[in-house]
Amino acid sequence: MGKAQRWLSLFAWIVTLTQIVCQDIIVLLQIERGWAMPTRTELTRELLSDAEHLLDQGRDSSNRSKEWYRRWQ
């Protein structure tokens, strides 16, 4: 019984190790091909970048409007 249990334990360990390695390979392939889901940090960074871009556009537009109004007067 002890010998069979050791073989079963070894087999379970090999299966677990194989699953971990396969999951890592799949994640690496997804990242490489751009299929991986972005993390919260990446999404936050992207949203902040978009917000900054919109604010910059708003400032530019506001400044252009002020210049146009000054010239028009």
PDB file of N, CA and C in Angstrom:
ATOM      1  N   MET A   1       0.821  -1.201   0.000  1.00  0.00           N
ATOM      2  CA  MET A   1       0.000   0.000   0.000  1.00  0.00           C
ATOM      3  C   MET A   1       0.861   1.260   0.000  1.00  0.00           C
ATOM      4  N   GLY A   2       1.947   1.267   0.727  1.00  0.00           N
ATOM      5  CA  GLY A   2       2.816   2.432   0.802  1.00  0.00           C
ATOM      6  C   GLY A   2       3.440   2.777  -0.537  1.00  0.00           C
ATOM      7  N   LYS A   3       3.820   1.732  -1.299  1.00  0.00           N
ATOM      8  CA  LYS A   3       4.442   1.949  -2.596  1.00  0.00           C
ATOM      9  C   LYS A   3       3.435   2.552  -3.590  1.00  0.00           C
ATOM     10  N   ALA A   4       2.212   2.043  -3.578  1.00  0.00           N
ATOM     11  CA  ALA A   4       1.169   2.566  -4.472  1.00  0.00           C
ATOM     12  C   ALA A   4       0.834   4.012  -4.137  1.00  0.00           C
ATOM     13  N   GLN A   5       0.826   4.326  -2.861  1.00  0.00           N
ATOM     14  CA  GLN A   5       0.519   5.692  -2.441  1.00  0.00           C
ATOM     15  C   GLN A   5       1.642   6.650  -2.864  1.00  0.00           C
ATOM     16  N   ARG A   6       2.883   6.214  -2.798  1.00  0.00           N
ATOM     17  CA  ARG A   6       3.999   7.056  -3.239  1.00  0.00           C
ATOM     18  C   ARG A   6       3.906   7.325  -4.743  1.00  0.00           C
ATOM     19  N   TRP A   7       3.564   6.279  -5.541  1.00  0.00           N
ATOM     20  CA  TRP A   7       3.416   6.453  -6.984  1.00  0.00           C
ATOM     21  C   TRP A   7       2.261   7.403  -7.290  1.00  0.00           C
ATOM     22  N   LEU A   8       1.177   7.255  -6.549  1.00  0.00           N
ATOM     23  CA  LEU A   8       0.020   8.131  -6.748  1.00  0.00           C
ATOM     24  C   LEU A   8       0.386   9.573  -6.393  1.00  0.00           C
ATOM     25  N   SER A   9       1.124   9.756  -5.320  1.00  0.00           N
ATOM     26  CA  SER A   9       1.565  11.083  -4.904  1.00  0.00           C
ATOM     27  C   SER A   9       2.494  11.696  -5.954  1.00  0.00           C
ATOM     28  N   LEU A  10       3.417  10.902  -6.473  1.00  0.00           N
ATOM     29  CA  LEU A  10       4.324  11.372  -7.518  1.00  0.00           C
ATOM     30  C   LEU A  10       3.547  11.757  -8.773  1.00  0.00           C
ATOM     31  N   PHE A  11       2.578  10.936  -9.156  1.00  0.00           N
ATOM     32  CA  PHE A  11       1.753  11.211 -10.330  1.00  0.00           C
ATOM     33  C   PHE A  11       0.970  12.513 -10.132  1.00  0.00           C
ATOM     34  N   ALA A  12       0.388  12.694  -8.943  1.00  0.00           N
ATOM     35  CA  ALA A  12      -0.371  13.921  -8.659  1.00  0.00           C
ATOM     36  C   ALA A  12       0.545  15.147  -8.719  1.00  0.00           C
ATOM     37  N   TRP A  13       1.781  15.003  -8.203  1.00  0.00           N
ATOM     38  CA  TRP A  13       2.739  16.097  -8.228  1.00  0.00           C
ATOM     39  C   TRP A  13       3.106  16.456  -9.663  1.00  0.00           C
ATOM     40  N   ILE A  14       3.321  15.447 -10.511  1.00  0.00           N
ATOM     41  CA  ILE A  14       3.672  15.678 -11.918  1.00  0.00           C
ATOM     42  C   ILE A  14       2.515  16.360 -12.655  1.00  0.00           C
ATOM     43  N   VAL A  15       1.289  15.915 -12.394  1.00  0.00           N
ATOM     44  CA  VAL A  15       0.117  16.529 -13.031  1.00  0.00           C
ATOM     45  C   VAL A  15      -0.008  17.991 -12.611  1.00  0.00           C
ATOM     46  N   THR A  16       0.165  18.267 -11.338  1.00  0.00           N
ATOM     47  CA  THR A  16       0.079  19.645 -10.838  1.00  0.00           C
ATOM     48  C   THR A  16       1.156  20.522 -11.464  1.00  0.00           C
ATOM     49  N   LEU A  17       2.362  20.030 -11.501  1.00  0.00           N
ATOM     50  CA  LEU A  17       3.466  20.783 -12.097  1.00  0.00           C
ATOM     51  C   LEU A  17       3.208  21.048 -13.578  1.00  0.00           C
ATOM     52  N   THR A  18       2.696  20.056 -14.278  1.00  0.00           N
ATOM     53  CA  THR A  18       2.380  20.210 -15.700  1.00  0.00           C
ATOM     54  C   THR A  18       1.292  21.265 -15.899  1.00  0.00           C
ATOM     55  N   GLN A  19       0.276  21.269 -15.043  1.00  0.00           N
ATOM     56  CA  GLN A  19      -0.786  22.273 -15.152  1.00  0.00           C
ATOM     57  C   GLN A  19      -0.233  23.685 -14.949  1.00  0.00           C
ATOM     58  N   ILE A  20       0.644  23.838 -13.951  1.00  0.00           N
ATOM     59  CA  ILE A  20       1.224  25.163 -13.672  1.00  0.00           C
ATOM     60  C   ILE A  20       2.046  25.642 -14.866  1.00  0.00           C
ATOM     61  N   VAL A  21       2.869  24.767 -15.395  1.00  0.00           N
ATOM     62  CA  VAL A  21       3.711  25.136 -16.546  1.00  0.00           C
ATOM     63  C   VAL A  21       2.838  25.485 -17.758  1.00  0.00           C
ATOM     64  N   CYS A  22       1.817  24.686 -18.017  1.00  0.00           N
ATOM     65  CA  CYS A  22       0.932  24.950 -19.161  1.00  0.00           C
ATOM     66  C   CYS A  22       0.193  26.277 -18.992  1.00  0.00           C
ATOM     67  N   GLN A  23      -0.273  26.574 -17.790  1.00  0.00           N
ATOM     68  CA  GLN A  23      -0.957  27.844 -17.550  1.00  0.00           C
ATOM     69  C   GLN A  23      -0.017  29.017 -17.788  1.00  0.00           C
ATOM     70  N   ASP A  24       1.228  28.895 -17.321  1.00  0.00           N
ATOM     71  CA  ASP A  24       2.205  29.956 -17.541  1.00  0.00           C
ATOM     72  C   ASP A  24       2.475  30.160 -19.030  1.00  0.00           C
ATOM     73  N   ILE A  25       2.600  29.074 -19.762  1.00  0.00           N
ATOM     74  CA  ILE A  25       2.838  29.172 -21.204  1.00  0.00           C
ATOM     75  C   ILE A  25       1.652  29.833 -21.896  1.00  0.00           C
ATOM     76  N   ILE A  26       0.449  29.455 -21.515  1.00  0.00           N
ATOM     77  CA  ILE A  26      -0.752  30.047 -22.119  1.00  0.00           C
ATOM     78  C   ILE A  26      -0.811  31.543 -21.841  1.00  0.00           C
ATOM     79  N   VAL A  27      -0.541  31.954 -20.600  1.00  0.00           N
ATOM     80  CA  VAL A  27      -0.562  33.372 -20.257  1.00  0.00           C
ATOM     81  C   VAL A  27       0.504  34.126 -21.040  1.00  0.00           C
ATOM     82  N   LEU A  28       1.702  33.566 -21.146  1.00  0.00           N
ATOM     83  CA  LEU A  28       2.764  34.228 -21.906  1.00  0.00           C
ATOM     84  C   LEU A  28       2.388  34.386 -23.376  1.00  0.00           C
ATOM     85  N   LEU A  29       1.769  33.363 -23.950  1.00  0.00           N
ATOM     86  CA  LEU A  29       1.326  33.465 -25.341  1.00  0.00           C
ATOM     87  C   LEU A  29       0.234  34.512 -25.497  1.00  0.00           C
ATOM     88  N   GLN A  30      -0.681  34.577 -24.539  1.00  0.00           N
ATOM     89  CA  GLN A  30      -1.746  35.577 -24.609  1.00  0.00           C
ATOM     90  C   GLN A  30      -1.178  36.990 -24.529  1.00  0.00           C
ATOM     91  N   ILE A  31      -0.209  37.179 -23.646  1.00  0.00           N
ATOM     92  CA  ILE A  31       0.412  38.498 -23.515  1.00  0.00           C
ATOM     93  C   ILE A  31       1.149  38.853 -24.803  1.00  0.00           C
ATOM     94  N   GLU A  32       1.896  37.898 -25.333  1.00  0.00           N
ATOM     95  CA  GLU A  32       2.672  38.139 -26.545  1.00  0.00           C
ATOM     96  C   GLU A  32       1.774  38.502 -27.722  1.00  0.00           C
ATOM     97  N   ARG A  33       0.650  37.849 -27.841  1.00  0.00           N
ATOM     98  CA  ARG A  33      -0.242  38.101 -28.972  1.00  0.00           C
ATOM     99  C   ARG A  33      -1.273  39.188 -28.690  1.00  0.00           C
ATOM    100  N   GLY A  34      -1.249  39.759 -27.479  1.00  0.00           N
ATOM    101  CA  GLY A  34      -2.171  40.835 -27.148  1.00  0.00           C
ATOM    102  C   GLY A  34      -3.557  40.349 -26.773  1.00  0.00           C
ATOM    103  N   TRP A  35      -3.694  39.077 -26.413  1.00  0.00           N
ATOM    104  CA  TRP A  35      -5.010  38.531 -26.067  1.00  0.00           C
ATOM    105  C   TRP A  35      -5.299  38.601 -24.578  1.00  0.00           C
ATOM    106  N   ALA A  36      -4.284  38.881 -23.779  1.00  0.00           N
ATOM    107  CA  ALA A  36      -4.460  38.866 -22.324  1.00  0.00           C
ATOM    108  C   ALA A  36      -5.335  40.030 -21.892  1.00  0.00           C
ATOM    109  N   MET A  37      -6.119  39.788 -20.884  1.00  0.00           N
ATOM    110  CA  MET A  37      -6.960  40.842 -20.332  1.00  0.00           C
ATOM    111  C   MET A  37      -6.070  41.828 -19.569  1.00  0.00           C
ATOM    112  N   PRO A  38      -6.314  43.122 -19.748  1.00  0.00           N
ATOM    113  CA  PRO A  38      -5.509  44.096 -19.019  1.00  0.00           C
ATOM    114  C   PRO A  38      -5.829  44.061 -17.520  1.00  0.00           C
ATOM    115  N   THR A  39      -4.857  44.413 -16.718  1.00  0.00           N
ATOM    116  CA  THR A  39      -5.056  44.449 -15.277  1.00  0.00           C
ATOM    117  C   THR A  39      -5.742  45.753 -14.888  1.00  0.00           C
ATOM    118  N   ARG A  40      -6.159  45.852 -13.655  1.00  0.00           N
ATOM    119  CA  ARG A  40      -6.795  47.085 -13.183  1.00  0.00           C
ATOM    120  C   ARG A  40      -5.834  48.259 -13.287  1.00  0.00           C
ATOM    121  N   THR A  41      -4.568  48.019 -13.000  1.00  0.00           N
ATOM    122  CA  THR A  41      -3.574  49.090 -13.078  1.00  0.00           C
ATOM    123  C   THR A  41      -3.453  49.605 -14.504  1.00  0.00           C
ATOM    124  N   GLU A  42      -3.413  48.682 -15.468  1.00  0.00           N
ATOM    125  CA  GLU A  42      -3.312  49.099 -16.864  1.00  0.00           C
ATOM    126  C   GLU A  42      -4.554  49.872 -17.291  1.00  0.00           C
ATOM    127  N   LEU A  43      -5.741  49.387 -16.880  1.00  0.00           N
ATOM    128  CA  LEU A  43      -6.983  50.083 -17.232  1.00  0.00           C
ATOM    129  C   LEU A  43      -7.017  51.473 -16.607  1.00  0.00           C
ATOM    130  N   THR A  44      -6.617  51.573 -15.351  1.00  0.00           N
ATOM    131  CA  THR A  44      -6.596  52.874 -14.674  1.00  0.00           C
ATOM    132  C   THR A  44      -5.643  53.815 -15.383  1.00  0.00           C
ATOM    133  N   ARG A  45      -4.462  53.313 -15.734  1.00  0.00           N
ATOM    134  CA  ARG A  45      -3.467  54.130 -16.433  1.00  0.00           C
ATOM    135  C   ARG A  45      -4.032  54.609 -17.776  1.00  0.00           C
ATOM    136  N   GLU A  46      -4.718  53.729 -18.486  1.00  0.00           N
ATOM    137  CA  GLU A  46      -5.283  54.089 -19.781  1.00  0.00           C
ATOM    138  C   GLU A  46      -6.396  55.124 -19.629  1.00  0.00           C
ATOM    139  N   LEU A  47      -7.258  54.933 -18.623  1.00  0.00           N
ATOM    140  CA  LEU A  47      -8.328  55.894 -18.389  1.00  0.00           C
ATOM    141  C   LEU A  47      -7.780  57.261 -17.994  1.00  0.00           C
ATOM    142  N   LEU A  48      -6.759  57.277 -17.144  1.00  0.00           N
ATOM    143  CA  LEU A  48      -6.151  58.548 -16.755  1.00  0.00           C
ATOM    144  C   LEU A  48      -5.513  59.243 -17.956  1.00  0.00           C
ATOM    145  N   SER A  49      -4.882  58.465 -18.802  1.00  0.00           N
ATOM    146  CA  SER A  49      -4.271  59.030 -20.001  1.00  0.00           C
ATOM    147  C   SER A  49      -5.338  59.644 -20.906  1.00  0.00           C
ATOM    148  N   ASP A  50      -6.450  58.922 -21.077  1.00  0.00           N
ATOM    149  CA  ASP A  50      -7.549  59.447 -21.891  1.00  0.00           C
ATOM    150  C   ASP A  50      -8.131  60.721 -21.284  1.00  0.00           C
ATOM    151  N   ALA A  51      -8.286  60.727 -19.957  1.00  0.00           N
ATOM    152  CA  ALA A  51      -8.832  61.905 -19.282  1.00  0.00           C
ATOM    153  C   ALA A  51      -7.895  63.105 -19.439  1.00  0.00           C
ATOM    154  N   GLU A  52      -6.584  62.875 -19.292  1.00  0.00           N
ATOM    155  CA  GLU A  52      -5.616  63.957 -19.465  1.00  0.00           C
ATOM    156  C   GLU A  52      -5.658  64.502 -20.891  1.00  0.00           C
ATOM    157  N   HIS A  53      -5.798  63.598 -21.857  1.00  0.00           N
ATOM    158  CA  HIS A  53      -5.868  64.018 -23.257  1.00  0.00           C
ATOM    159  C   HIS A  53      -7.106  64.890 -23.487  1.00  0.00           C
ATOM    160  N   LEU A  54      -8.244  64.484 -22.933  1.00  0.00           N
ATOM    161  CA  LEU A  54      -9.475  65.276 -23.095  1.00  0.00           C
ATOM    162  C   LEU A  54      -9.354  66.631 -22.405  1.00  0.00           C
ATOM    163  N   LEU A  55      -8.722  66.652 -21.227  1.00  0.00           N
ATOM    164  CA  LEU A  55      -8.522  67.931 -20.541  1.00  0.00           C
ATOM    165  C   LEU A  55      -7.624  68.849 -21.364  1.00  0.00           C
ATOM    166  N   ASP A  56      -6.566  68.295 -21.931  1.00  0.00           N
ATOM    167  CA  ASP A  56      -5.675  69.097 -22.778  1.00  0.00           C
ATOM    168  C   ASP A  56      -6.421  69.655 -23.978  1.00  0.00           C
ATOM    169  N   GLN A  57      -7.262  68.832 -24.597  1.00  0.00           N
ATOM    170  CA  GLN A  57      -8.050  69.304 -25.739  1.00  0.00           C
ATOM    171  C   GLN A  57      -8.995  70.425 -25.321  1.00  0.00           C
ATOM    172  N   GLY A  58      -9.603  70.261 -24.132  1.00  0.00           N
ATOM    173  CA  GLY A  58     -10.501  71.300 -23.628  1.00  0.00           C
ATOM    174  C   GLY A  58      -9.772  72.600 -23.367  1.00  0.00           C
ATOM    175  N   ARG A  59      -8.571  72.515 -22.793  1.00  0.00           N
ATOM    176  CA  ARG A  59      -7.769  73.719 -22.542  1.00  0.00           C
ATOM    177  C   ARG A  59      -7.386  74.391 -23.854  1.00  0.00           C
ATOM    178  N   ASP A  60      -6.963  73.582 -24.820  1.00  0.00           N
ATOM    179  CA  ASP A  60      -6.593  74.141 -26.125  1.00  0.00           C
ATOM    180  C   ASP A  60      -7.781  74.839 -26.761  1.00  0.00           C
ATOM    181  N   SER A  61      -8.923  74.195 -26.708  1.00  0.00           N
ATOM    182  CA  SER A  61     -10.128  74.767 -27.299  1.00  0.00           C
ATOM    183  C   SER A  61     -10.518  76.053 -26.586  1.00  0.00           C
ATOM    184  N   SER A  62     -10.434  76.044 -25.262  1.00  0.00           N
ATOM    185  CA  SER A  62     -10.770  77.230 -24.479  1.00  0.00           C
ATOM    186  C   SER A  62      -9.811  78.372 -24.795  1.00  0.00           C
ATOM    187  N   ASN A  63      -8.533  78.067 -24.886  1.00  0.00           N
ATOM    188  CA  ASN A  63      -7.546  79.108 -25.199  1.00  0.00           C
ATOM    189  C   ASN A  63      -7.766  79.674 -26.594  1.00  0.00           C
ATOM    190  N   ARG A  64      -8.077  78.800 -27.564  1.00  0.00           N
ATOM    191  CA  ARG A  64      -8.341  79.277 -28.921  1.00  0.00           C
ATOM    192  C   ARG A  64      -9.587  80.159 -28.952  1.00  0.00           C
ATOM    193  N   SER A  65     -10.602  79.791 -28.192  1.00  0.00           N
ATOM    194  CA  SER A  65     -11.822  80.595 -28.142  1.00  0.00           C
ATOM    195  C   SER A  65     -11.540  81.969 -27.556  1.00  0.00           C
ATOM    196  N   LYS A  66     -10.732  82.016 -26.498  1.00  0.00           N
ATOM    197  CA  LYS A  66     -10.390  83.296 -25.882  1.00  0.00           C
ATOM    198  C   LYS A  66      -9.607  84.165 -26.858  1.00  0.00           C
ATOM    199  N   GLU A  67      -8.653  83.569 -27.572  1.00  0.00           N
ATOM    200  CA  GLU A  67      -7.871  84.332 -28.548  1.00  0.00           C
ATOM    201  C   GLU A  67      -8.772  84.858 -29.657  1.00  0.00           C
ATOM    202  N   TRP A  68      -9.667  84.022 -30.155  1.00  0.00           N
ATOM    203  CA  TRP A  68     -10.562  84.441 -31.221  1.00  0.00           C
ATOM    204  C   TRP A  68     -11.452  85.582 -30.749  1.00  0.00           C
ATOM    205  N   TYR A  69     -11.948  85.497 -29.521  1.00  0.00           N
ATOM    206  CA  TYR A  69     -12.815  86.536 -28.978  1.00  0.00           C
ATOM    207  C   TYR A  69     -12.052  87.848 -28.834  1.00  0.00           C
ATOM    208  N   ARG A  70     -10.793  87.768 -28.348  1.00  0.00           N
ATOM    209  CA  ARG A  70      -9.977  88.983 -28.205  1.00  0.00           C
ATOM    210  C   ARG A  70      -9.728  89.625 -29.567  1.00  0.00           C
ATOM    211  N   ARG A  71      -9.432  88.809 -30.565  1.00  0.00           N
ATOM    212  CA  ARG A  71      -9.170  89.348 -31.907  1.00  0.00           C
ATOM    213  C   ARG A  71     -10.433  89.959 -32.501  1.00  0.00           C
ATOM    214  N   TRP A  72     -11.548  89.361 -32.219  1.00  0.00           N
ATOM    215  CA  TRP A  72     -12.811  89.807 -32.801  1.00  0.00           C
ATOM    216  C   TRP A  72     -13.220  91.155 -32.237  1.00  0.00           C
ATOM    217  N   GLN A  73     -12.854  91.420 -30.971  1.00  0.00           N
ATOM    218  CA  GLN A  73     -13.274  92.681 -30.349  1.00  0.00           C
ATOM    219  C   GLN A  73     -12.534  93.816 -30.924  1.00  0.00           C
TER     220      GLN A  73
END
